[in-house]
């Protein structure tokens, strides 16, 4: 039952992260563009592709983690920020980095049925064999019956809904098998 308190702490910490820039920017050099004032995680959360592009140009560490071990690419996958996710992928973000629960951006995008992000991650070479702390690969997180994981979606919706996460259960139920097939066709 430790998962429930952790899920509820995520929004609080995400808000703290957004409110207080974590100093993730590198100092600019003479030949390097300067990073924008908005932090990378915050820009990602807001879907600010221009600011994320500026961070990439400035050499900001795209793999910097928040307090839960999530990178900006994880945040983009969670909140469905497809344009930003693609920028981060093209900018060299680590596709296989794991968050505090051992999930990669592919795990997150697959579980939340972010088709375009899953496709972009697969096309860029994301590893489909990595297992999270629960022992599941990204594909395994979407192959089971929806009824068995609905409670996880309920908890995510409750915890992250106030931050803008919107889950369409009909879409999730219909799309989970398609995501599993996409990953299977790519090698798992």
Protein backbone atom coordinates (compact mmCIF):
# COMPACT_ATOMS: atom_id res chain seq x y z
CA UNK A 1 0.00 0.00 0.00
CA UNK A 2 3.06 2.23 -0.22
CA UNK A 3 2.24 2.99 -3.87
CA UNK A 4 -0.83 5.04 -2.92
CA UNK A 5 1.05 7.60 -0.72
CA UNK A 6 3.77 7.88 -3.37
CA UNK A 7 1.21 8.58 -6.07
CA UNK A 8 -0.35 11.30 -3.95
CA UNK A 9 3.00 12.94 -3.24
CA UNK A 10 3.85 13.22 -6.94
CA UNK A 11 1.53 16.21 -7.64
CA UNK A 12 2.84 18.12 -4.64
CA UNK A 13 6.43 17.60 -5.65
CA UNK A 14 5.70 18.38 -9.29
CA UNK A 15 4.13 21.67 -8.23
CA UNK A 16 7.18 22.42 -6.10
CA UNK A 17 9.40 21.62 -9.06
CA UNK A 18 7.40 23.93 -11.28
CA UNK A 19 7.40 26.71 -8.68
CA UNK A 20 11.09 26.52 -7.89
CA UNK A 21 13.52 26.04 -10.71
CA UNK A 22 15.90 23.27 -9.72
CA UNK A 23 19.04 24.76 -11.19
CA UNK A 24 19.21 22.14 -13.91
CA UNK A 25 20.62 24.58 -16.48
CA UNK A 26 24.29 24.51 -17.34
CA UNK A 27 26.23 27.75 -17.32
CA UNK A 28 26.28 29.17 -20.83
CA UNK A 29 29.54 29.40 -22.73
CA UNK A 30 30.50 32.06 -25.24
CA UNK A 31 29.48 29.81 -28.16
CA UNK A 32 26.40 28.33 -26.53
CA UNK A 33 22.89 29.73 -26.49
CA UNK A 34 21.60 30.72 -23.09
CA UNK A 35 18.88 28.56 -21.54
CA UNK A 36 15.54 30.26 -20.97
CA UNK A 37 14.48 31.34 -17.48
CA UNK A 38 11.81 28.64 -17.34
CA UNK A 39 13.16 25.26 -16.22
CA UNK A 40 13.18 22.29 -18.58
CA UNK A 41 10.70 20.21 -16.58
CA UNK A 42 8.32 23.16 -16.24
CA UNK A 43 8.57 23.99 -19.95
CA UNK A 44 7.87 20.35 -20.76
CA UNK A 45 4.90 20.19 -18.39
CA UNK A 46 3.46 23.32 -20.01
CA UNK A 47 4.12 22.00 -23.53
CA UNK A 48 6.34 24.99 -24.32
CA UNK A 49 8.17 23.62 -27.36
CA UNK A 50 10.01 26.90 -27.96
CA UNK A 51 11.50 26.90 -24.45
CA UNK A 52 12.38 23.20 -24.67
CA UNK A 53 14.10 23.87 -28.01
CA UNK A 54 16.03 26.70 -26.38
CA UNK A 55 17.11 24.35 -23.57
CA UNK A 56 18.32 21.85 -26.14
CA UNK A 57 20.26 24.56 -28.00
CA UNK A 58 21.76 25.77 -24.71
CA UNK A 59 22.98 22.30 -23.80
CA UNK A 60 20.73 21.83 -20.77
CA UNK A 61 21.01 18.33 -19.32
CA UNK A 62 17.98 16.64 -20.87
CA UNK A 63 18.37 13.71 -18.48
CA UNK A 64 18.15 15.73 -15.27
CA UNK A 65 15.70 14.05 -12.92
CA UNK A 66 13.09 15.49 -10.61
CA UNK A 67 12.56 14.23 -7.06
CA UNK A 68 10.79 11.12 -8.37
CA UNK A 69 13.55 10.31 -10.78
CA UNK A 70 11.59 11.45 -13.84
CA UNK A 71 13.22 13.24 -16.72
CA UNK A 72 11.55 15.82 -18.94
CA UNK A 73 10.85 13.04 -21.45
CA UNK A 74 8.94 11.15 -18.74
CA UNK A 75 6.92 14.29 -18.00
CA UNK A 76 6.15 14.72 -21.72
CA UNK A 77 4.99 11.10 -21.95
CA UNK A 78 2.86 11.42 -18.82
CA UNK A 79 1.04 14.55 -19.91
CA UNK A 80 0.88 13.74 -23.62
CA UNK A 81 3.13 16.57 -24.79
CA UNK A 82 3.90 14.93 -28.15
CA UNK A 83 5.69 17.84 -29.83
CA UNK A 84 7.92 18.34 -26.81
CA UNK A 85 8.59 14.60 -26.52
CA UNK A 86 9.74 14.49 -30.14
CA UNK A 87 12.02 17.50 -29.57
CA UNK A 88 13.57 15.82 -26.53
CA UNK A 89 14.06 12.56 -28.43
CA UNK A 90 15.66 14.37 -31.38
CA UNK A 91 17.70 16.46 -28.93
CA UNK A 92 19.37 13.36 -27.51
CA UNK A 93 17.41 12.60 -24.33
CA UNK A 94 18.14 9.15 -22.93
CA UNK A 95 15.31 6.94 -24.19
CA UNK A 96 16.00 4.17 -21.70
CA UNK A 97 16.56 6.10 -18.48
CA UNK A 98 14.41 4.77 -15.64
CA UNK A 99 12.45 6.79 -13.11
CA UNK A 100 12.01 5.97 -9.43
CA UNK A 101 9.62 3.12 -10.28
CA UNK A 102 12.00 1.72 -12.88
CA UNK A 103 9.80 2.83 -15.76
CA UNK A 104 11.29 4.22 -18.94
CA UNK A 105 9.60 6.85 -21.10
CA UNK A 106 8.35 3.92 -23.22
CA UNK A 107 6.66 2.33 -20.19
CA UNK A 108 4.89 5.60 -19.41
CA UNK A 109 3.89 6.39 -22.99
CA UNK A 110 2.65 2.83 -23.52
CA UNK A 111 0.64 2.67 -20.29
CA UNK A 112 -1.02 6.00 -21.02
CA UNK A 113 -1.54 5.04 -24.69
CA UNK A 114 0.39 7.96 -26.14
CA UNK A 115 0.58 6.41 -29.62
CA UNK A 116 2.68 9.09 -31.32
CA UNK A 117 5.15 9.19 -28.46
CA UNK A 118 5.40 5.38 -28.40
CA UNK A 119 6.05 5.40 -32.15
CA UNK A 120 8.69 8.13 -31.84
CA UNK A 121 10.45 6.27 -29.01
CA UNK A 122 10.41 2.99 -30.95
CA UNK A 123 11.65 4.67 -34.14
CA UNK A 124 14.51 6.23 -32.17
CA UNK A 125 15.54 2.85 -30.74
CA UNK A 126 13.99 2.68 -27.26
CA UNK A 127 14.73 -0.65 -25.59
CA UNK A 128 11.55 -2.73 -25.38
CA UNK A 129 13.06 -5.32 -23.02
CA UNK A 130 13.66 -3.13 -19.95
CA UNK A 131 11.62 -4.17 -16.93
CA UNK A 132 10.33 -1.72 -14.34
CA UNK A 133 10.40 -2.30 -10.57
CA UNK A 134 7.20 -4.34 -10.89
CA UNK A 135 8.89 -6.73 -13.33
CA UNK A 136 6.99 -5.59 -16.42
CA UNK A 137 8.20 -4.47 -19.81
CA UNK A 138 6.37 -1.62 -21.55
CA UNK A 139 4.44 -4.15 -23.64
CA UNK A 140 3.51 -6.23 -20.62
CA UNK A 141 2.02 -3.15 -18.98
CA UNK A 142 -0.66 -2.99 -21.69
CA UNK A 143 -1.41 -6.64 -22.59
CA UNK A 144 -3.59 -7.57 -19.61
CA UNK A 145 -7.32 -7.01 -19.30
CA UNK A 146 -8.26 -3.38 -18.74
CA UNK A 147 -10.38 -4.29 -15.72
CA UNK A 148 -7.27 -5.55 -13.93
CA UNK A 149 -5.45 -2.22 -14.24
CA UNK A 150 -8.36 0.21 -14.10
CA UNK A 151 -7.59 0.94 -10.45
CA UNK A 152 -4.11 2.15 -11.47
CA UNK A 153 -5.68 4.53 -13.98
CA UNK A 154 -8.14 5.66 -11.30
CA UNK A 155 -5.27 6.48 -8.93
CA UNK A 156 -3.32 8.31 -11.64
CA UNK A 157 -6.39 10.30 -12.58
CA UNK A 158 -7.06 11.22 -8.98
CA UNK A 159 -3.46 12.20 -8.29
CA UNK A 160 -2.59 13.95 -11.55
CA UNK A 161 -6.01 15.13 -12.70
CA UNK A 162 -5.60 18.42 -10.82
CA UNK A 163 -2.42 18.97 -12.85
CA UNK A 164 -4.25 18.46 -16.12
CA UNK A 165 -3.95 14.72 -16.75
CA UNK A 166 -7.08 13.63 -18.59
CA UNK A 167 -7.73 9.93 -19.08
CA UNK A 168 -10.36 8.66 -21.51
CA UNK A 169 -11.06 5.13 -20.29
CA UNK A 170 -12.77 4.05 -23.52
CA UNK A 171 -9.75 5.23 -25.51
CA UNK A 172 -7.34 3.49 -23.12
CA UNK A 173 -9.27 0.23 -23.25
CA UNK A 174 -9.41 0.30 -27.05
CA UNK A 175 -5.84 1.46 -27.59
CA UNK A 176 -3.93 -0.77 -25.14
CA UNK A 177 -3.93 -3.75 -27.54
CA UNK A 178 -2.77 -1.50 -30.39
CA UNK A 179 0.13 -0.23 -28.28
CA UNK A 180 1.06 -3.82 -27.39
CA UNK A 181 1.10 -4.70 -31.11
CA UNK A 182 3.24 -1.65 -31.94
CA UNK A 183 5.83 -2.73 -29.39
CA UNK A 184 5.65 -6.39 -30.46
CA UNK A 185 6.18 -5.40 -34.10
CA UNK A 186 9.28 -3.52 -33.00
CA UNK A 187 10.97 -6.49 -31.42
CA UNK A 188 9.49 -7.61 -28.12
